[in-house]
Amino acid sequence: MAYAVLATYVFLMCIIFIFCMIELKLAFKYLRYKRNNQNLKSTFPENIPQEEHPFVTIQLPVYNEKY
């Protein structure tokens, strides 16, 4: 019984370790991408007049409303 618990524990710890290594790899890729693309400009032009901005509707899920 003790060996089954130990084997299960080791197996689950290996899965957690593999998951952490994948997350670490993603973090390194993000930092490398961020360093290589520091000089890129934003794709959204900042000098558009207020009248030309698109109309956006925001809906909030509110529960227990009176009306």
PDB file of N, CA and C in Angstrom:
ATOM      1  N   MET A   1       0.820  -1.189   0.000  1.00  0.00           N
ATOM      2  CA  MET A   1       0.000   0.000   0.000  1.00  0.00           C
ATOM      3  C   MET A   1       0.869   1.260   0.000  1.00  0.00           C
ATOM      4  N   ALA A   2       1.947   1.241   0.760  1.00  0.00           N
ATOM      5  CA  ALA A   2       2.826   2.403   0.857  1.00  0.00           C
ATOM      6  C   ALA A   2       3.497   2.684  -0.481  1.00  0.00           C
ATOM      7  N   TYR A   3       3.837   1.619  -1.206  1.00  0.00           N
ATOM      8  CA  TYR A   3       4.477   1.817  -2.509  1.00  0.00           C
ATOM      9  C   TYR A   3       3.508   2.404  -3.528  1.00  0.00           C
ATOM     10  N   ALA A   4       2.245   2.040  -3.434  1.00  0.00           N
ATOM     11  CA  ALA A   4       1.246   2.588  -4.347  1.00  0.00           C
ATOM     12  C   ALA A   4       1.062   4.078  -4.095  1.00  0.00           C
ATOM     13  N   VAL A   5       1.033   4.487  -2.842  1.00  0.00           N
ATOM     14  CA  VAL A   5       0.889   5.899  -2.509  1.00  0.00           C
ATOM     15  C   VAL A   5       2.130   6.663  -2.959  1.00  0.00           C
ATOM     16  N   LEU A   6       3.303   6.086  -2.715  1.00  0.00           N
ATOM     17  CA  LEU A   6       4.552   6.730  -3.131  1.00  0.00           C
ATOM     18  C   LEU A   6       4.636   6.844  -4.652  1.00  0.00           C
ATOM     19  N   ALA A   7       4.243   5.803  -5.360  1.00  0.00           N
ATOM     20  CA  ALA A   7       4.278   5.835  -6.827  1.00  0.00           C
ATOM     21  C   ALA A   7       3.307   6.879  -7.363  1.00  0.00           C
ATOM     22  N   THR A   8       2.124   6.961  -6.767  1.00  0.00           N
ATOM     23  CA  THR A   8       1.151   7.963  -7.186  1.00  0.00           C
ATOM     24  C   THR A   8       1.681   9.365  -6.928  1.00  0.00           C
ATOM     25  N   TYR A   9       2.288   9.556  -5.777  1.00  0.00           N
ATOM     26  CA  TYR A   9       2.854  10.865  -5.424  1.00  0.00           C
ATOM     27  C   TYR A   9       3.952  11.259  -6.404  1.00  0.00           C
ATOM     28  N   VAL A  10       4.861  10.347  -6.709  1.00  0.00           N
ATOM     29  CA  VAL A  10       5.960  10.636  -7.636  1.00  0.00           C
ATOM     30  C   VAL A  10       5.414  10.925  -9.032  1.00  0.00           C
ATOM     31  N   PHE A  11       4.437  10.154  -9.459  1.00  0.00           N
ATOM     32  CA  PHE A  11       3.836  10.373 -10.775  1.00  0.00           C
ATOM     33  C   PHE A  11       3.198  11.754 -10.868  1.00  0.00           C
ATOM     34  N   LEU A  12       2.431  12.137  -9.854  1.00  0.00           N
ATOM     35  CA  LEU A  12       1.779  13.449  -9.880  1.00  0.00           C
ATOM     36  C   LEU A  12       2.791  14.584  -9.776  1.00  0.00           C
ATOM     37  N   MET A  13       3.843  14.402  -9.002  1.00  0.00           N
ATOM     38  CA  MET A  13       4.887  15.424  -8.924  1.00  0.00           C
ATOM     39  C   MET A  13       5.613  15.576 -10.261  1.00  0.00           C
ATOM     40  N   CYS A  14       5.791  14.491 -10.995  1.00  0.00           N
ATOM     41  CA  CYS A  14       6.398  14.583 -12.329  1.00  0.00           C
ATOM     42  C   CYS A  14       5.501  15.364 -13.283  1.00  0.00           C
ATOM     43  N   ILE A  15       4.201  15.141 -13.206  1.00  0.00           N
ATOM     44  CA  ILE A  15       3.270  15.887 -14.051  1.00  0.00           C
ATOM     45  C   ILE A  15       3.324  17.375 -13.711  1.00  0.00           C
ATOM     46  N   ILE A  16       3.353  17.710 -12.421  1.00  0.00           N
ATOM     47  CA  ILE A  16       3.443  19.116 -12.013  1.00  0.00           C
ATOM     48  C   ILE A  16       4.758  19.721 -12.477  1.00  0.00           C
ATOM     49  N   PHE A  17       5.844  18.963 -12.389  1.00  0.00           N
ATOM     50  CA  PHE A  17       7.152  19.449 -12.834  1.00  0.00           C
ATOM     51  C   PHE A  17       7.149  19.725 -14.337  1.00  0.00           C
ATOM     52  N   ILE A  18       6.579  18.823 -15.117  1.00  0.00           N
ATOM     53  CA  ILE A  18       6.515  19.020 -16.571  1.00  0.00           C
ATOM     54  C   ILE A  18       5.683  20.260 -16.891  1.00  0.00           C
ATOM     55  N   PHE A  19       4.560  20.441 -16.202  1.00  0.00           N
ATOM     56  CA  PHE A  19       3.728  21.620 -16.411  1.00  0.00           C
ATOM     57  C   PHE A  19       4.515  22.895 -16.099  1.00  0.00           C
ATOM     58  N   CYS A  20       5.261  22.895 -15.007  1.00  0.00           N
ATOM     59  CA  CYS A  20       6.055  24.073 -14.641  1.00  0.00           C
ATOM     60  C   CYS A  20       7.138  24.361 -15.683  1.00  0.00           C
ATOM     61  N   MET A  21       7.737  23.344 -16.237  1.00  0.00           N
ATOM     62  CA  MET A  21       8.763  23.554 -17.264  1.00  0.00           C
ATOM     63  C   MET A  21       8.147  24.150 -18.528  1.00  0.00           C
ATOM     64  N   ILE A  22       6.952  23.714 -18.877  1.00  0.00           N
ATOM     65  CA  ILE A  22       6.266  24.290 -20.047  1.00  0.00           C
ATOM     66  C   ILE A  22       5.965  25.762 -19.799  1.00  0.00           C
ATOM     67  N   GLU A  23       5.494  26.106 -18.598  1.00  0.00           N
ATOM     68  CA  GLU A  23       5.219  27.502 -18.264  1.00  0.00           C
ATOM     69  C   GLU A  23       6.501  28.334 -18.277  1.00  0.00           C
ATOM     70  N   LEU A  24       7.592  27.790 -17.794  1.00  0.00           N
ATOM     71  CA  LEU A  24       8.873  28.500 -17.814  1.00  0.00           C
ATOM     72  C   LEU A  24       9.335  28.748 -19.247  1.00  0.00           C
ATOM     73  N   LYS A  25       9.141  27.760 -20.116  1.00  0.00           N
ATOM     74  CA  LYS A  25       9.496  27.923 -21.529  1.00  0.00           C
ATOM     75  C   LYS A  25       8.663  29.048 -22.154  1.00  0.00           C
ATOM     76  N   LEU A  26       7.355  29.107 -21.833  1.00  0.00           N
ATOM     77  CA  LEU A  26       6.513  30.179 -22.360  1.00  0.00           C
ATOM     78  C   LEU A  26       6.967  31.544 -21.854  1.00  0.00           C
ATOM     79  N   ALA A  27       7.393  31.623 -20.600  1.00  0.00           N
ATOM     80  CA  ALA A  27       7.867  32.893 -20.051  1.00  0.00           C
ATOM     81  C   ALA A  27       9.135  33.343 -20.763  1.00  0.00           C
ATOM     82  N   PHE A  28      10.051  32.425 -21.019  1.00  0.00           N
ATOM     83  CA  PHE A  28      11.279  32.782 -21.736  1.00  0.00           C
ATOM     84  C   PHE A  28      10.984  33.224 -23.160  1.00  0.00           C
ATOM     85  N   LYS A  29      10.049  32.532 -23.827  1.00  0.00           N
ATOM     86  CA  LYS A  29       9.678  32.937 -25.188  1.00  0.00           C
ATOM     87  C   LYS A  29       9.065  34.331 -25.190  1.00  0.00           C
ATOM     88  N   TYR A  30       8.221  34.633 -24.186  1.00  0.00           N
ATOM     89  CA  TYR A  30       7.619  35.960 -24.093  1.00  0.00           C
ATOM     90  C   TYR A  30       8.691  37.028 -23.905  1.00  0.00           C
ATOM     91  N   LEU A  31       9.627  36.791 -23.007  1.00  0.00           N
ATOM     92  CA  LEU A  31      10.673  37.779 -22.765  1.00  0.00           C
ATOM     93  C   LEU A  31      11.540  37.990 -24.002  1.00  0.00           C
ATOM     94  N   ARG A  32      11.842  36.918 -24.728  1.00  0.00           N
ATOM     95  CA  ARG A  32      12.628  37.048 -25.948  1.00  0.00           C
ATOM     96  C   ARG A  32      11.851  37.818 -27.015  1.00  0.00           C
ATOM     97  N   TYR A  33      10.554  37.532 -27.156  1.00  0.00           N
ATOM     98  CA  TYR A  33       9.725  38.254 -28.111  1.00  0.00           C
ATOM     99  C   TYR A  33       9.632  39.728 -27.741  1.00  0.00           C
ATOM    100  N   LYS A  34       9.450  40.008 -26.457  1.00  0.00           N
ATOM    101  CA  LYS A  34       9.330  41.389 -26.002  1.00  0.00           C
ATOM    102  C   LYS A  34      10.624  42.153 -26.248  1.00  0.00           C
ATOM    103  N   ARG A  35      11.771  41.536 -26.028  1.00  0.00           N
ATOM    104  CA  ARG A  35      13.058  42.184 -26.235  1.00  0.00           C
ATOM    105  C   ARG A  35      13.307  42.448 -27.721  1.00  0.00           C
ATOM    106  N   ASN A  36      12.908  41.514 -28.579  1.00  0.00           N
ATOM    107  CA  ASN A  36      13.160  41.665 -30.016  1.00  0.00           C
ATOM    108  C   ASN A  36      12.215  42.653 -30.683  1.00  0.00           C
ATOM    109  N   ASN A  37      11.064  42.935 -30.087  1.00  0.00           N
ATOM    110  CA  ASN A  37      10.061  43.783 -30.721  1.00  0.00           C
ATOM    111  C   ASN A  37       9.793  45.061 -29.935  1.00  0.00           C
ATOM    112  N   GLN A  38      10.805  45.602 -29.285  1.00  0.00           N
ATOM    113  CA  GLN A  38      10.609  46.812 -28.499  1.00  0.00           C
ATOM    114  C   GLN A  38      10.331  48.030 -29.368  1.00  0.00           C
ATOM    115  N   ASN A  39      10.837  48.062 -30.570  1.00  0.00           N
ATOM    116  CA  ASN A  39      10.721  49.247 -31.413  1.00  0.00           C
ATOM    117  C   ASN A  39       9.494  49.241 -32.306  1.00  0.00           C
ATOM    118  N   LEU A  40       8.639  48.214 -32.199  1.00  0.00           N
ATOM    119  CA  LEU A  40       7.449  48.171 -33.037  1.00  0.00           C
ATOM    120  C   LEU A  40       6.414  49.170 -32.527  1.00  0.00           C
ATOM    121  N   LYS A  41       5.766  49.851 -33.450  1.00  0.00           N
ATOM    122  CA  LYS A  41       4.733  50.819 -33.100  1.00  0.00           C
ATOM    123  C   LYS A  41       3.404  50.097 -32.928  1.00  0.00           C
ATOM    124  N   SER A  42       2.498  50.729 -32.222  1.00  0.00           N
ATOM    125  CA  SER A  42       1.161  50.182 -32.041  1.00  0.00           C
ATOM    126  C   SER A  42       0.419  50.242 -33.372  1.00  0.00           C
ATOM    127  N   THR A  43      -0.465  49.262 -33.602  1.00  0.00           N
ATOM    128  CA  THR A  43      -1.219  49.246 -34.857  1.00  0.00           C
ATOM    129  C   THR A  43      -2.432  50.163 -34.795  1.00  0.00           C
ATOM    130  N   PHE A  44      -2.795  50.649 -33.615  1.00  0.00           N
ATOM    131  CA  PHE A  44      -3.938  51.542 -33.485  1.00  0.00           C
ATOM    132  C   PHE A  44      -3.458  52.981 -33.610  1.00  0.00           C
ATOM    133  N   PRO A  45      -3.914  53.698 -34.641  1.00  0.00           N
ATOM    134  CA  PRO A  45      -3.483  55.092 -34.785  1.00  0.00           C
ATOM    135  C   PRO A  45      -4.063  55.971 -33.681  1.00  0.00           C
ATOM    136  N   GLU A  46      -3.231  56.783 -33.086  1.00  0.00           N
ATOM    137  CA  GLU A  46      -3.654  57.597 -31.950  1.00  0.00           C
ATOM    138  C   GLU A  46      -4.218  58.955 -32.353  1.00  0.00           C
ATOM    139  N   ASN A  47      -4.109  59.317 -33.608  1.00  0.00           N
ATOM    140  CA  ASN A  47      -4.550  60.648 -34.014  1.00  0.00           C
ATOM    141  C   ASN A  47      -5.908  60.623 -34.729  1.00  0.00           C
ATOM    142  N   ILE A  48      -6.748  59.640 -34.462  1.00  0.00           N
ATOM    143  CA  ILE A  48      -8.082  59.585 -35.057  1.00  0.00           C
ATOM    144  C   ILE A  48      -9.010  60.496 -34.258  1.00  0.00           C
ATOM    145  N   PRO A  49      -9.797  61.313 -34.920  1.00  0.00           N
ATOM    146  CA  PRO A  49     -10.737  62.174 -34.189  1.00  0.00           C
ATOM    147  C   PRO A  49     -11.793  61.341 -33.448  1.00  0.00           C
ATOM    148  N   GLN A  50     -12.354  61.929 -32.419  1.00  0.00           N
ATOM    149  CA  GLN A  50     -13.344  61.249 -31.576  1.00  0.00           C
ATOM    150  C   GLN A  50     -14.553  60.800 -32.388  1.00  0.00           C
ATOM    151  N   GLU A  51     -14.950  61.558 -33.402  1.00  0.00           N
ATOM    152  CA  GLU A  51     -16.132  61.228 -34.190  1.00  0.00           C
ATOM    153  C   GLU A  51     -15.946  59.959 -35.027  1.00  0.00           C
ATOM    154  N   GLU A  52     -14.731  59.606 -35.330  1.00  0.00           N
ATOM    155  CA  GLU A  52     -14.475  58.448 -36.185  1.00  0.00           C
ATOM    156  C   GLU A  52     -14.235  57.158 -35.394  1.00  0.00           C
ATOM    157  N   HIS A  53     -14.252  57.232 -34.081  1.00  0.00           N
ATOM    158  CA  HIS A  53     -14.083  56.012 -33.294  1.00  0.00           C
ATOM    159  C   HIS A  53     -15.290  55.103 -33.485  1.00  0.00           C
ATOM    160  N   PRO A  54     -15.108  53.788 -33.454  1.00  0.00           N
ATOM    161  CA  PRO A  54     -16.252  52.885 -33.631  1.00  0.00           C
ATOM    162  C   PRO A  54     -17.170  52.915 -32.418  1.00  0.00           C
ATOM    163  N   PHE A  55     -18.446  52.661 -32.674  1.00  0.00           N
ATOM    164  CA  PHE A  55     -19.437  52.605 -31.602  1.00  0.00           C
ATOM    165  C   PHE A  55     -19.359  51.230 -30.943  1.00  0.00           C
ATOM    166  N   VAL A  56     -19.265  51.209 -29.637  1.00  0.00           N
ATOM    167  CA  VAL A  56     -19.112  49.951 -28.899  1.00  0.00           C
ATOM    168  C   VAL A  56     -20.188  49.887 -27.824  1.00  0.00           C
ATOM    169  N   THR A  57     -20.819  48.725 -27.708  1.00  0.00           N
ATOM    170  CA  THR A  57     -21.801  48.496 -26.663  1.00  0.00           C
ATOM    171  C   THR A  57     -21.200  47.568 -25.625  1.00  0.00           C
ATOM    172  N   ILE A  58     -21.306  47.960 -24.362  1.00  0.00           N
ATOM    173  CA  ILE A  58     -20.801  47.138 -23.273  1.00  0.00           C
ATOM    174  C   ILE A  58     -21.998  46.653 -22.470  1.00  0.00           C
ATOM    175  N   GLN A  59     -22.105  45.340 -22.305  1.00  0.00           N
ATOM    176  CA  GLN A  59     -23.205  44.766 -21.544  1.00  0.00           C
ATOM    177  C   GLN A  59     -22.644  44.097 -20.299  1.00  0.00           C
ATOM    178  N   LEU A  60     -23.220  44.440 -19.161  1.00  0.00           N
ATOM    179  CA  LEU A  60     -22.792  43.857 -17.899  1.00  0.00           C
ATOM    180  C   LEU A  60     -23.836  42.860 -17.420  1.00  0.00           C
ATOM    181  N   PRO A  61     -23.418  41.655 -17.063  1.00  0.00           N
ATOM    182  CA  PRO A  61     -24.387  40.681 -16.538  1.00  0.00           C
ATOM    183  C   PRO A  61     -24.705  40.993 -15.081  1.00  0.00           C
ATOM    184  N   VAL A  62     -25.835  41.628 -14.854  1.00  0.00           N
ATOM    185  CA  VAL A  62     -26.243  42.018 -13.509  1.00  0.00           C
ATOM    186  C   VAL A  62     -27.438  41.148 -13.116  1.00  0.00           C
ATOM    187  N   TYR A  63     -27.354  40.522 -11.947  1.00  0.00           N
ATOM    188  CA  TYR A  63     -28.418  39.642 -11.483  1.00  0.00           C
ATOM    189  C   TYR A  63     -29.220  40.320 -10.379  1.00  0.00           C
ATOM    190  N   ASN A  64     -30.393  39.829 -10.163  1.00  0.00           N
ATOM    191  CA  ASN A  64     -31.306  40.308  -9.125  1.00  0.00           C
ATOM    192  C   ASN A  64     -31.659  41.784  -9.328  1.00  0.00           C
ATOM    193  N   GLU A  65     -31.898  42.164 -10.575  1.00  0.00           N
ATOM    194  CA  GLU A  65     -32.320  43.527 -10.854  1.00  0.00           C
ATOM    195  C   GLU A  65     -33.792  43.684 -10.488  1.00  0.00           C
ATOM    196  N   LYS A  66     -34.157  44.896 -10.117  1.00  0.00           N
ATOM    197  CA  LYS A  66     -35.556  45.145  -9.809  1.00  0.00           C
ATOM    198  C   LYS A  66     -36.377  45.232 -11.097  1.00  0.00           C
ATOM    199  N   TYR A  67     -35.822  45.849 -12.142  1.00  0.00           N
ATOM    200  CA  TYR A  67     -36.542  45.983 -13.420  1.00  0.00           C
ATOM    201  C   TYR A  67     -35.743  45.352 -14.521  1.00  0.00           C
TER     202      TYR A  67
END
